[in-house]
């Protein structure tokens, strides 16, 4: 097995082993690793993750770790440097909710 496939398989197993709520959000954000993000993204219909996706994912994660809560889509659009229109292109099913799920953090308040 190639090293890339082996890493992907390990990330898949690690993702399956974490505690998630019924909607798929991490219960314990500290269990998340960047290697899990592509697996989580594929589960949500996003493949591959581009540099722009990573910019949003890292912003979401850092905002959560600093404030204890995930930013709303409005805050995400204003503070991340990625315009709201582009956020919806990157994360079509809801930017704040989907980016939070891929970033391994709880669902943002106000998301349904």
PDB file of N, CA and C in Angstrom:
ATOM      1  N   UNK A   1       0.857  -1.181   0.000  1.00  0.00           N
ATOM      2  CA  UNK A   1       0.000   0.000   0.000  1.00  0.00           C
ATOM      3  C   UNK A   1       0.898   1.237   0.000  1.00  0.00           C
ATOM      4  N   UNK A   2       0.556   2.221  -0.808  1.00  0.00           N
ATOM      5  CA  UNK A   2       1.370   3.441  -0.853  1.00  0.00           C
ATOM      6  C   UNK A   2       1.228   4.216   0.452  1.00  0.00           C
ATOM      7  N   UNK A   3       2.214   5.076   0.710  1.00  0.00           N
ATOM      8  CA  UNK A   3       2.199   5.877   1.946  1.00  0.00           C
ATOM      9  C   UNK A   3       0.977   6.784   1.999  1.00  0.00           C
ATOM     10  N   UNK A   4       0.582   7.334   0.867  1.00  0.00           N
ATOM     11  CA  UNK A   4      -0.580   8.236   0.827  1.00  0.00           C
ATOM     12  C   UNK A   4      -1.850   7.463   1.161  1.00  0.00           C
ATOM     13  N   UNK A   5      -2.018   6.295   0.569  1.00  0.00           N
ATOM     14  CA  UNK A   5      -3.202   5.492   0.862  1.00  0.00           C
ATOM     15  C   UNK A   5      -3.203   5.015   2.304  1.00  0.00           C
ATOM     16  N   UNK A   6      -2.037   4.687   2.818  1.00  0.00           N
ATOM     17  CA  UNK A   6      -1.937   4.246   4.205  1.00  0.00           C
ATOM     18  C   UNK A   6      -2.322   5.387   5.144  1.00  0.00           C
ATOM     19  N   UNK A   7      -1.844   6.620   4.862  1.00  0.00           N
ATOM     20  CA  UNK A   7      -2.212   7.783   5.678  1.00  0.00           C
ATOM     21  C   UNK A   7      -3.717   8.027   5.624  1.00  0.00           C
ATOM     22  N   UNK A   8      -4.292   7.897   4.429  1.00  0.00           N
ATOM     23  CA  UNK A   8      -5.735   8.102   4.278  1.00  0.00           C
ATOM     24  C   UNK A   8      -6.513   7.043   5.060  1.00  0.00           C
ATOM     25  N   UNK A   9      -6.041   5.807   5.019  1.00  0.00           N
ATOM     26  CA  UNK A   9      -6.715   4.737   5.762  1.00  0.00           C
ATOM     27  C   UNK A   9      -6.621   4.981   7.265  1.00  0.00           C
ATOM     28  N   UNK A  10      -5.467   5.446   7.728  1.00  0.00           N
ATOM     29  CA  UNK A  10      -5.309   5.753   9.152  1.00  0.00           C
ATOM     30  C   UNK A  10      -6.223   6.904   9.562  1.00  0.00           C
ATOM     31  N   UNK A  11      -6.328   7.929   8.725  1.00  0.00           N
ATOM     32  CA  UNK A  11      -7.221   9.054   9.022  1.00  0.00           C
ATOM     33  C   UNK A  11      -8.671   8.585   9.066  1.00  0.00           C
ATOM     34  N   UNK A  12      -9.040   7.689   8.161  1.00  0.00           N
ATOM     35  CA  UNK A  12     -10.400   7.138   8.135  1.00  0.00           C
ATOM     36  C   UNK A  12     -10.697   6.399   9.436  1.00  0.00           C
ATOM     37  N   UNK A  13      -9.764   5.563   9.875  1.00  0.00           N
ATOM     38  CA  UNK A  13      -9.954   4.822  11.132  1.00  0.00           C
ATOM     39  C   UNK A  13     -10.021   5.774  12.324  1.00  0.00           C
ATOM     40  N   UNK A  14      -9.142   6.771  12.334  1.00  0.00           N
ATOM     41  CA  UNK A  14      -9.119   7.731  13.442  1.00  0.00           C
ATOM     42  C   UNK A  14     -10.423   8.512  13.503  1.00  0.00           C
ATOM     43  N   UNK A  15     -10.947   8.896  12.350  1.00  0.00           N
ATOM     44  CA  UNK A  15     -12.198   9.649  12.296  1.00  0.00           C
ATOM     45  C   UNK A  15     -13.349   8.793  12.823  1.00  0.00           C
ATOM     46  N   UNK A  16     -13.337   7.520  12.505  1.00  0.00           N
ATOM     47  CA  UNK A  16     -14.397   6.618  12.967  1.00  0.00           C
ATOM     48  C   UNK A  16     -14.348   6.423  14.477  1.00  0.00           C
ATOM     49  N   UNK A  17     -13.172   6.627  15.080  1.00  0.00           N
ATOM     50  CA  UNK A  17     -13.002   6.361  16.509  1.00  0.00           C
ATOM     51  C   UNK A  17     -13.355   7.547  17.407  1.00  0.00           C
ATOM     52  N   UNK A  18     -13.597   8.726  16.837  1.00  0.00           N
ATOM     53  CA  UNK A  18     -13.890   9.890  17.679  1.00  0.00           C
ATOM     54  C   UNK A  18     -15.368   9.950  18.046  1.00  0.00           C
ATOM     55  N   UNK A  19     -15.644  10.652  19.139  1.00  0.00           N
ATOM     56  CA  UNK A  19     -17.027  10.832  19.578  1.00  0.00           C
ATOM     57  C   UNK A  19     -17.645  11.974  18.791  1.00  0.00           C
ATOM     58  N   UNK A  20     -18.782  11.659  18.133  1.00  0.00           N
ATOM     59  CA  UNK A  20     -19.508  12.691  17.396  1.00  0.00           C
ATOM     60  C   UNK A  20     -20.970  12.661  17.805  1.00  0.00           C
ATOM     61  N   UNK A  21     -21.604  13.833  17.698  1.00  0.00           N
ATOM     62  CA  UNK A  21     -23.031  13.904  18.024  1.00  0.00           C
ATOM     63  C   UNK A  21     -23.841  13.322  16.868  1.00  0.00           C
ATOM     64  N   UNK A  22     -25.169  13.231  16.996  1.00  0.00           N
ATOM     65  CA  UNK A  22     -25.982  12.627  15.934  1.00  0.00           C
ATOM     66  C   UNK A  22     -25.867  13.325  14.571  1.00  0.00           C
ATOM     67  N   UNK A  23     -25.459  14.610  14.576  1.00  0.00           N
ATOM     68  CA  UNK A  23     -25.303  15.326  13.303  1.00  0.00           C
ATOM     69  C   UNK A  23     -23.889  15.213  12.739  1.00  0.00           C
ATOM     70  N   UNK A  24     -22.984  14.564  13.467  1.00  0.00           N
ATOM     71  CA  UNK A  24     -21.630  14.357  12.980  1.00  0.00           C
ATOM     72  C   UNK A  24     -20.600  15.362  13.468  1.00  0.00           C
ATOM     73  N   UNK A  25     -20.992  16.252  14.398  1.00  0.00           N
ATOM     74  CA  UNK A  25     -20.049  17.222  14.945  1.00  0.00           C
ATOM     75  C   UNK A  25     -19.255  16.582  16.075  1.00  0.00           C
ATOM     76  N   UNK A  26     -17.985  16.951  16.190  1.00  0.00           N
ATOM     77  CA  UNK A  26     -17.136  16.392  17.238  1.00  0.00           C
ATOM     78  C   UNK A  26     -17.649  16.807  18.605  1.00  0.00           C
ATOM     79  N   UNK A  27     -17.697  15.861  19.523  1.00  0.00           N
ATOM     80  CA  UNK A  27     -18.066  16.126  20.904  1.00  0.00           C
ATOM     81  C   UNK A  27     -16.841  16.659  21.646  1.00  0.00           C
ATOM     82  N   UNK A  28     -15.676  16.151  21.277  1.00  0.00           N
ATOM     83  CA  UNK A  28     -14.407  16.550  21.907  1.00  0.00           C
ATOM     84  C   UNK A  28     -13.477  17.090  20.811  1.00  0.00           C
ATOM     85  N   UNK A  29     -13.492  18.407  20.568  1.00  0.00           N
ATOM     86  CA  UNK A  29     -12.687  18.983  19.485  1.00  0.00           C
ATOM     87  C   UNK A  29     -11.194  18.664  19.559  1.00  0.00           C
ATOM     88  N   UNK A  30     -10.703  18.362  20.755  1.00  0.00           N
ATOM     89  CA  UNK A  30      -9.279  18.044  20.893  1.00  0.00           C
ATOM     90  C   UNK A  30      -8.913  16.719  20.227  1.00  0.00           C
ATOM     91  N   UNK A  31      -9.902  15.917  19.839  1.00  0.00           N
ATOM     92  CA  UNK A  31      -9.632  14.652  19.145  1.00  0.00           C
ATOM     93  C   UNK A  31      -9.309  14.865  17.666  1.00  0.00           C
ATOM     94  N   UNK A  32      -9.584  16.042  17.147  1.00  0.00           N
ATOM     95  CA  UNK A  32      -9.426  16.338  15.723  1.00  0.00           C
ATOM     96  C   UNK A  32      -7.959  16.496  15.338  1.00  0.00           C
ATOM     97  N   UNK A  33      -7.615  16.041  14.128  1.00  0.00           N
ATOM     98  CA  UNK A  33      -6.312  16.319  13.524  1.00  0.00           C
ATOM     99  C   UNK A  33      -6.552  16.775  12.088  1.00  0.00           C
ATOM    100  N   UNK A  34      -5.589  17.491  11.541  1.00  0.00           N
ATOM    101  CA  UNK A  34      -5.738  17.961  10.156  1.00  0.00           C
ATOM    102  C   UNK A  34      -5.872  16.800   9.175  1.00  0.00           C
ATOM    103  N   UNK A  35      -5.285  15.665   9.500  1.00  0.00           N
ATOM    104  CA  UNK A  35      -5.382  14.496   8.610  1.00  0.00           C
ATOM    105  C   UNK A  35      -6.821  13.997   8.496  1.00  0.00           C
ATOM    106  N   UNK A  36      -7.650  14.305   9.485  1.00  0.00           N
ATOM    107  CA  UNK A  36      -9.054  13.879   9.452  1.00  0.00           C
ATOM    108  C   UNK A  36      -9.904  14.758   8.526  1.00  0.00           C
ATOM    109  N   UNK A  37      -9.488  15.981   8.296  1.00  0.00           N
ATOM    110  CA  UNK A  37     -10.309  16.934   7.543  1.00  0.00           C
ATOM    111  C   UNK A  37     -10.710  16.435   6.160  1.00  0.00           C
ATOM    112  N   UNK A  38      -9.799  15.872   5.350  1.00  0.00           N
ATOM    113  CA  UNK A  38     -10.240  15.379   4.035  1.00  0.00           C
ATOM    114  C   UNK A  38     -11.302  14.279   4.132  1.00  0.00           C
ATOM    115  N   UNK A  39     -11.200  13.428   5.151  1.00  0.00           N
ATOM    116  CA  UNK A  39     -12.199  12.368   5.354  1.00  0.00           C
ATOM    117  C   UNK A  39     -13.552  12.998   5.693  1.00  0.00           C
ATOM    118  N   UNK A  40     -13.534  13.944   6.614  1.00  0.00           N
ATOM    119  CA  UNK A  40     -14.770  14.635   7.006  1.00  0.00           C
ATOM    120  C   UNK A  40     -15.357  15.407   5.825  1.00  0.00           C
ATOM    121  N   UNK A  41     -14.497  16.017   5.026  1.00  0.00           N
ATOM    122  CA  UNK A  41     -14.968  16.762   3.854  1.00  0.00           C
ATOM    123  C   UNK A  41     -15.642  15.829   2.849  1.00  0.00           C
ATOM    124  N   UNK A  42     -15.020  14.678   2.586  1.00  0.00           N
ATOM    125  CA  UNK A  42     -15.622  13.715   1.650  1.00  0.00           C
ATOM    126  C   UNK A  42     -16.978  13.238   2.154  1.00  0.00           C
ATOM    127  N   UNK A  43     -17.095  13.028   3.467  1.00  0.00           N
ATOM    128  CA  UNK A  43     -18.395  12.632   4.041  1.00  0.00           C
ATOM    129  C   UNK A  43     -19.463  13.678   3.747  1.00  0.00           C
ATOM    130  N   UNK A  44     -19.031  14.933   3.597  1.00  0.00           N
ATOM    131  CA  UNK A  44     -19.965  16.041   3.352  1.00  0.00           C
ATOM    132  C   UNK A  44     -20.048  16.428   1.883  1.00  0.00           C
ATOM    133  N   UNK A  45     -19.401  15.645   1.020  1.00  0.00           N
ATOM    134  CA  UNK A  45     -19.487  15.892  -0.421  1.00  0.00           C
ATOM    135  C   UNK A  45     -18.480  16.886  -0.960  1.00  0.00           C
ATOM    136  N   UNK A  46     -17.430  17.186  -0.212  1.00  0.00           N
ATOM    137  CA  UNK A  46     -16.395  18.114  -0.676  1.00  0.00           C
ATOM    138  C   UNK A  46     -15.107  17.328  -0.883  1.00  0.00           C
ATOM    139  N   UNK A  47     -14.616  17.340  -2.119  1.00  0.00           N
ATOM    140  CA  UNK A  47     -13.373  16.645  -2.439  1.00  0.00           C
ATOM    141  C   UNK A  47     -12.851  17.194  -3.751  1.00  0.00           C
ATOM    142  N   UNK A  48     -11.660  17.697  -3.762  1.00  0.00           N
ATOM    143  CA  UNK A  48     -10.674  17.775  -2.690  1.00  0.00           C
ATOM    144  C   UNK A  48     -10.820  19.078  -1.906  1.00  0.00           C
ATOM    145  N   UNK A  49     -10.087  19.165  -0.801  1.00  0.00           N
ATOM    146  CA  UNK A  49      -9.997  20.419  -0.049  1.00  0.00           C
ATOM    147  C   UNK A  49      -8.927  21.284  -0.712  1.00  0.00           C
ATOM    148  N   UNK A  50      -9.307  22.499  -1.065  1.00  0.00           N
ATOM    149  CA  UNK A  50      -8.360  23.430  -1.677  1.00  0.00           C
ATOM    150  C   UNK A  50      -7.699  24.287  -0.591  1.00  0.00           C
ATOM    151  N   UNK A  51      -6.728  25.086  -0.982  1.00  0.00           N
ATOM    152  CA  UNK A  51      -6.099  26.013  -0.036  1.00  0.00           C
ATOM    153  C   UNK A  51      -7.130  26.961   0.563  1.00  0.00           C
ATOM    154  N   UNK A  52      -8.102  27.340  -0.243  1.00  0.00           N
ATOM    155  CA  UNK A  52      -9.132  28.261   0.251  1.00  0.00           C
ATOM    156  C   UNK A  52     -10.018  27.578   1.294  1.00  0.00           C
ATOM    157  N   UNK A  53     -10.339  26.303   1.085  1.00  0.00           N
ATOM    158  CA  UNK A  53     -11.071  25.539   2.107  1.00  0.00           C
ATOM    159  C   UNK A  53     -10.278  25.529   3.406  1.00  0.00           C
ATOM    160  N   UNK A  54      -8.989  25.229   3.294  1.00  0.00           N
ATOM    161  CA  UNK A  54      -8.140  25.166   4.482  1.00  0.00           C
ATOM    162  C   UNK A  54      -8.089  26.495   5.213  1.00  0.00           C
ATOM    163  N   UNK A  55      -8.087  27.588   4.464  1.00  0.00           N
ATOM    164  CA  UNK A  55      -8.085  28.909   5.090  1.00  0.00           C
ATOM    165  C   UNK A  55      -9.306  29.075   5.996  1.00  0.00           C
ATOM    166  N   UNK A  56     -10.453  28.654   5.503  1.00  0.00           N
ATOM    167  CA  UNK A  56     -11.703  28.758   6.274  1.00  0.00           C
ATOM    168  C   UNK A  56     -11.699  27.772   7.445  1.00  0.00           C
ATOM    169  N   UNK A  57     -11.281  26.535   7.193  1.00  0.00           N
ATOM    170  CA  UNK A  57     -11.258  25.517   8.241  1.00  0.00           C
ATOM    171  C   UNK A  57     -10.359  25.957   9.392  1.00  0.00           C
ATOM    172  N   UNK A  58      -9.175  26.441   9.066  1.00  0.00           N
ATOM    173  CA  UNK A  58      -8.246  26.880  10.128  1.00  0.00           C
ATOM    174  C   UNK A  58      -8.778  28.108  10.851  1.00  0.00           C
ATOM    175  N   UNK A  59      -9.430  29.014  10.118  1.00  0.00           N
ATOM    176  CA  UNK A  59     -10.025  30.186  10.751  1.00  0.00           C
ATOM    177  C   UNK A  59     -11.102  29.753  11.748  1.00  0.00           C
ATOM    178  N   UNK A  60     -11.973  28.842  11.322  1.00  0.00           N
ATOM    179  CA  UNK A  60     -13.055  28.350  12.193  1.00  0.00           C
ATOM    180  C   UNK A  60     -12.479  27.718  13.453  1.00  0.00           C
ATOM    181  N   UNK A  61     -11.496  26.879  13.276  1.00  0.00           N
ATOM    182  CA  UNK A  61     -10.904  26.171  14.409  1.00  0.00           C
ATOM    183  C   UNK A  61     -10.232  27.155  15.375  1.00  0.00           C
ATOM    184  N   UNK A  62      -9.453  28.076  14.837  1.00  0.00           N
ATOM    185  CA  UNK A  62      -8.773  29.062  15.693  1.00  0.00           C
ATOM    186  C   UNK A  62      -9.774  29.951  16.416  1.00  0.00           C
ATOM    187  N   UNK A  63     -10.828  30.374  15.719  1.00  0.00           N
ATOM    188  CA  UNK A  63     -11.853  31.208  16.354  1.00  0.00           C
ATOM    189  C   UNK A  63     -12.512  30.440  17.501  1.00  0.00           C
ATOM    190  N   UNK A  64     -12.807  29.172  17.278  1.00  0.00           N
ATOM    191  CA  UNK A  64     -13.415  28.356  18.332  1.00  0.00           C
ATOM    192  C   UNK A  64     -12.466  28.212  19.526  1.00  0.00           C
ATOM    193  N   UNK A  65     -11.212  27.925  19.264  1.00  0.00           N
ATOM    194  CA  UNK A  65     -10.248  27.727  20.350  1.00  0.00           C
ATOM    195  C   UNK A  65     -10.018  29.020  21.141  1.00  0.00           C
ATOM    196  N   UNK A  66     -10.102  30.169  20.471  1.00  0.00           N
ATOM    197  CA  UNK A  66      -9.912  31.454  21.150  1.00  0.00           C
ATOM    198  C   UNK A  66     -11.147  31.883  21.942  1.00  0.00           C
ATOM    199  N   UNK A  67     -12.346  31.646  21.394  1.00  0.00           N
ATOM    200  CA  UNK A  67     -13.572  32.190  21.983  1.00  0.00           C
ATOM    201  C   UNK A  67     -14.487  31.145  22.622  1.00  0.00           C
ATOM    202  N   UNK A  68     -14.268  29.884  22.322  1.00  0.00           N
ATOM    203  CA  UNK A  68     -15.116  28.836  22.866  1.00  0.00           C
ATOM    204  C   UNK A  68     -16.406  28.643  22.099  1.00  0.00           C
ATOM    205  N   UNK A  69     -16.545  29.339  20.989  1.00  0.00           N
ATOM    206  CA  UNK A  69     -17.717  29.196  20.145  1.00  0.00           C
ATOM    207  C   UNK A  69     -17.315  29.427  18.688  1.00  0.00           C
ATOM    208  N   UNK A  70     -17.999  28.751  17.775  1.00  0.00           N
ATOM    209  CA  UNK A  70     -17.707  28.907  16.353  1.00  0.00           C
ATOM    210  C   UNK A  70     -18.348  30.188  15.827  1.00  0.00           C
ATOM    211  N   UNK A  71     -17.682  30.867  14.901  1.00  0.00           N
ATOM    212  CA  UNK A  71     -18.266  32.086  14.338  1.00  0.00           C
ATOM    213  C   UNK A  71     -19.478  31.792  13.457  1.00  0.00           C
ATOM    214  N   UNK A  72     -20.374  32.757  13.404  1.00  0.00           N
ATOM    215  CA  UNK A  72     -21.530  32.664  12.503  1.00  0.00           C
ATOM    216  C   UNK A  72     -21.038  32.868  11.074  1.00  0.00           C
ATOM    217  N   UNK A  73     -21.889  32.583  10.108  1.00  0.00           N
ATOM    218  CA  UNK A  73     -21.507  32.770   8.710  1.00  0.00           C
ATOM    219  C   UNK A  73     -21.221  34.250   8.433  1.00  0.00           C
ATOM    220  N   UNK A  74     -21.963  35.127   9.070  1.00  0.00           N
ATOM    221  CA  UNK A  74     -21.739  36.562   8.879  1.00  0.00           C
ATOM    222  C   UNK A  74     -20.351  36.965   9.388  1.00  0.00           C
ATOM    223  N   UNK A  75     -20.000  36.515  10.591  1.00  0.00           N
ATOM    224  CA  UNK A  75     -18.680  36.800  11.148  1.00  0.00           C
ATOM    225  C   UNK A  75     -17.598  36.137  10.301  1.00  0.00           C
ATOM    226  N   UNK A  76     -17.856  34.935   9.879  1.00  0.00           N
ATOM    227  CA  UNK A  76     -16.913  34.212   9.036  1.00  0.00           C
ATOM    228  C   UNK A  76     -16.609  35.010   7.762  1.00  0.00           C
ATOM    229  N   UNK A  77     -17.647  35.539   7.128  1.00  0.00           N
ATOM    230  CA  UNK A  77     -17.477  36.321   5.907  1.00  0.00           C
ATOM    231  C   UNK A  77     -16.725  37.621   6.131  1.00  0.00           C
ATOM    232  N   UNK A  78     -16.937  38.235   7.281  1.00  0.00           N
ATOM    233  CA  UNK A  78     -16.274  39.509   7.568  1.00  0.00           C
ATOM    234  C   UNK A  78     -14.833  39.333   8.037  1.00  0.00           C
ATOM    235  N   UNK A  79     -14.581  38.325   8.866  1.00  0.00           N
ATOM    236  CA  UNK A  79     -13.285  38.226   9.538  1.00  0.00           C
ATOM    237  C   UNK A  79     -12.293  37.254   8.892  1.00  0.00           C
ATOM    238  N   UNK A  80     -12.775  36.325   8.086  1.00  0.00           N
ATOM    239  CA  UNK A  80     -11.878  35.305   7.538  1.00  0.00           C
ATOM    240  C   UNK A  80     -11.124  35.762   6.298  1.00  0.00           C
ATOM    241  N   UNK A  81     -11.621  36.813   5.662  1.00  0.00           N
ATOM    242  CA  UNK A  81     -11.018  37.244   4.407  1.00  0.00           C
ATOM    243  C   UNK A  81     -11.613  36.549   3.190  1.00  0.00           C
ATOM    244  N   UNK A  82     -12.602  35.684   3.416  1.00  0.00           N
ATOM    245  CA  UNK A  82     -13.274  34.979   2.327  1.00  0.00           C
ATOM    246  C   UNK A  82     -14.696  35.531   2.242  1.00  0.00           C
ATOM    247  N   UNK A  83     -15.050  36.175   1.124  1.00  0.00           N
ATOM    248  CA  UNK A  83     -16.395  36.747   1.000  1.00  0.00           C
ATOM    249  C   UNK A  83     -17.500  35.696   1.131  1.00  0.00           C
ATOM    250  N   UNK A  84     -18.651  36.118   1.636  1.00  0.00           N
ATOM    251  CA  UNK A  84     -19.771  35.194   1.871  1.00  0.00           C
ATOM    252  C   UNK A  84     -20.156  34.430   0.601  1.00  0.00           C
ATOM    253  N   UNK A  85     -20.178  35.092  -0.523  1.00  0.00           N
ATOM    254  CA  UNK A  85     -20.536  34.408  -1.775  1.00  0.00           C
ATOM    255  C   UNK A  85     -19.576  33.249  -2.047  1.00  0.00           C
ATOM    256  N   UNK A  86     -18.288  33.486  -1.847  1.00  0.00           N
ATOM    257  CA  UNK A  86     -17.298  32.425  -2.050  1.00  0.00           C
ATOM    258  C   UNK A  86     -17.443  31.325  -1.001  1.00  0.00           C
ATOM    259  N   UNK A  87     -17.791  31.694   0.242  1.00  0.00           N
ATOM    260  CA  UNK A  87     -18.008  30.692   1.288  1.00  0.00           C
ATOM    261  C   UNK A  87     -19.079  29.699   0.857  1.00  0.00           C
ATOM    262  N   UNK A  88     -20.146  30.198   0.241  1.00  0.00           N
ATOM    263  CA  UNK A  88     -21.222  29.314  -0.216  1.00  0.00           C
ATOM    264  C   UNK A  88     -20.789  28.469  -1.413  1.00  0.00           C
ATOM    265  N   UNK A  89     -19.818  28.939  -2.185  1.00  0.00           N
ATOM    266  CA  UNK A  89     -19.281  28.116  -3.277  1.00  0.00           C
ATOM    267  C   UNK A  89     -18.399  26.999  -2.712  1.00  0.00           C
ATOM    268  N   UNK A  90     -17.627  27.327  -1.697  1.00  0.00           N
ATOM    269  CA  UNK A  90     -16.728  26.353  -1.081  1.00  0.00           C
ATOM    270  C   UNK A  90     -17.484  25.317  -0.246  1.00  0.00           C
ATOM    271  N   UNK A  91     -18.495  25.791   0.485  1.00  0.00           N
ATOM    272  CA  UNK A  91     -19.275  24.945   1.403  1.00  0.00           C
ATOM    273  C   UNK A  91     -20.762  25.125   1.090  1.00  0.00           C
ATOM    274  N   UNK A  92     -21.229  24.510   0.004  1.00  0.00           N
ATOM    275  CA  UNK A  92     -22.581  24.774  -0.501  1.00  0.00           C
ATOM    276  C   UNK A  92     -23.728  24.457   0.448  1.00  0.00           C
ATOM    277  N   UNK A  93     -23.549  23.557   1.375  1.00  0.00           N
ATOM    278  CA  UNK A  93     -24.653  23.169   2.259  1.00  0.00           C
ATOM    279  C   UNK A  93     -24.715  24.011   3.522  1.00  0.00           C
ATOM    280  N   UNK A  94     -24.044  25.148   3.531  1.00  0.00           N
ATOM    281  CA  UNK A  94     -24.025  26.023   4.705  1.00  0.00           C
ATOM    282  C   UNK A  94     -22.602  26.187   5.207  1.00  0.00           C
ATOM    283  N   UNK A  95     -21.979  27.310   4.909  1.00  0.00           N
ATOM    284  CA  UNK A  95     -20.560  27.489   5.198  1.00  0.00           C
ATOM    285  C   UNK A  95     -20.163  27.319   6.662  1.00  0.00           C
ATOM    286  N   UNK A  96     -20.848  27.975   7.585  1.00  0.00           N
ATOM    287  CA  UNK A  96     -20.437  27.910   8.989  1.00  0.00           C
ATOM    288  C   UNK A  96     -20.617  26.497   9.527  1.00  0.00           C
ATOM    289  N   UNK A  97     -21.749  25.898   9.225  1.00  0.00           N
ATOM    290  CA  UNK A  97     -22.055  24.558   9.732  1.00  0.00           C
ATOM    291  C   UNK A  97     -21.101  23.514   9.154  1.00  0.00           C
ATOM    292  N   UNK A  98     -20.911  23.534   7.853  1.00  0.00           N
ATOM    293  CA  UNK A  98     -20.080  22.539   7.188  1.00  0.00           C
ATOM    294  C   UNK A  98     -18.599  22.726   7.521  1.00  0.00           C
ATOM    295  N   UNK A  99     -18.132  23.966   7.536  1.00  0.00           N
ATOM    296  CA  UNK A  99     -16.733  24.223   7.884  1.00  0.00           C
ATOM    297  C   UNK A  99     -16.455  23.817   9.331  1.00  0.00           C
ATOM    298  N   UNK A 100     -17.415  24.043  10.223  1.00  0.00           N
ATOM    299  CA  UNK A 100     -17.257  23.638  11.621  1.00  0.00           C
ATOM    300  C   UNK A 100     -17.141  22.120  11.724  1.00  0.00           C
ATOM    301  N   UNK A 101     -17.972  21.410  10.986  1.00  0.00           N
ATOM    302  CA  UNK A 101     -17.942  19.953  11.027  1.00  0.00           C
ATOM    303  C   UNK A 101     -16.582  19.432  10.553  1.00  0.00           C
ATOM    304  N   UNK A 102     -16.081  19.988   9.454  1.00  0.00           N
ATOM    305  CA  UNK A 102     -14.799  19.554   8.904  1.00  0.00           C
ATOM    306  C   UNK A 102     -13.649  19.964   9.823  1.00  0.00           C
ATOM    307  N   UNK A 103     -13.802  21.094  10.533  1.00  0.00           N
ATOM    308  CA  UNK A 103     -12.770  21.577  11.455  1.00  0.00           C
ATOM    309  C   UNK A 103     -12.810  20.864  12.806  1.00  0.00           C
ATOM    310  N   UNK A 104     -13.778  19.970  12.991  1.00  0.00           N
ATOM    311  CA  UNK A 104     -13.834  19.182  14.215  1.00  0.00           C
ATOM    312  C   UNK A 104     -14.282  19.963  15.434  1.00  0.00           C
ATOM    313  N   UNK A 105     -15.133  20.959  15.211  1.00  0.00           N
ATOM    314  CA  UNK A 105     -15.645  21.760  16.333  1.00  0.00           C
ATOM    315  C   UNK A 105     -17.166  21.640  16.407  1.00  0.00           C
ATOM    316  N   UNK A 106     -17.761  22.010  17.534  1.00  0.00           N
ATOM    317  CA  UNK A 106     -19.217  21.913  17.652  1.00  0.00           C
ATOM    318  C   UNK A 106     -19.950  22.814  16.652  1.00  0.00           C
ATOM    319  N   UNK A 107     -21.188  22.463  16.404  1.00  0.00           N
ATOM    320  CA  UNK A 107     -22.024  23.239  15.486  1.00  0.00           C
ATOM    321  C   UNK A 107     -22.165  24.665  15.986  1.00  0.00           C
ATOM    322  N   UNK A 108     -22.003  25.660  15.092  1.00  0.00           N
ATOM    323  CA  UNK A 108     -22.166  27.058  15.506  1.00  0.00           C
ATOM    324  C   UNK A 108     -23.584  27.337  16.004  1.00  0.00           C
ATOM    325  N   UNK A 109     -23.678  28.212  16.981  1.00  0.00           N
ATOM    326  CA  UNK A 109     -25.001  28.627  17.467  1.00  0.00           C
ATOM    327  C   UNK A 109     -25.760  29.277  16.332  1.00  0.00           C
ATOM    328  N   UNK A 110     -27.031  29.033  16.275  1.00  0.00           N
ATOM    329  CA  UNK A 110     -27.854  29.634  15.237  1.00  0.00           C
ATOM    330  C   UNK A 110     -27.961  28.798  13.973  1.00  0.00           C
ATOM    331  N   UNK A 111     -27.156  27.754  13.843  1.00  0.00           N
ATOM    332  CA  UNK A 111     -27.260  26.875  12.689  1.00  0.00           C
ATOM    333  C   UNK A 111     -28.318  25.815  12.975  1.00  0.00           C
ATOM    334  N   UNK A 112     -29.144  25.568  11.963  1.00  0.00           N
ATOM    335  CA  UNK A 112     -30.163  24.520  12.130  1.00  0.00           C
ATOM    336  C   UNK A 112     -29.801  23.296  11.339  1.00  0.00           C
TER     337      UNK A 112
END
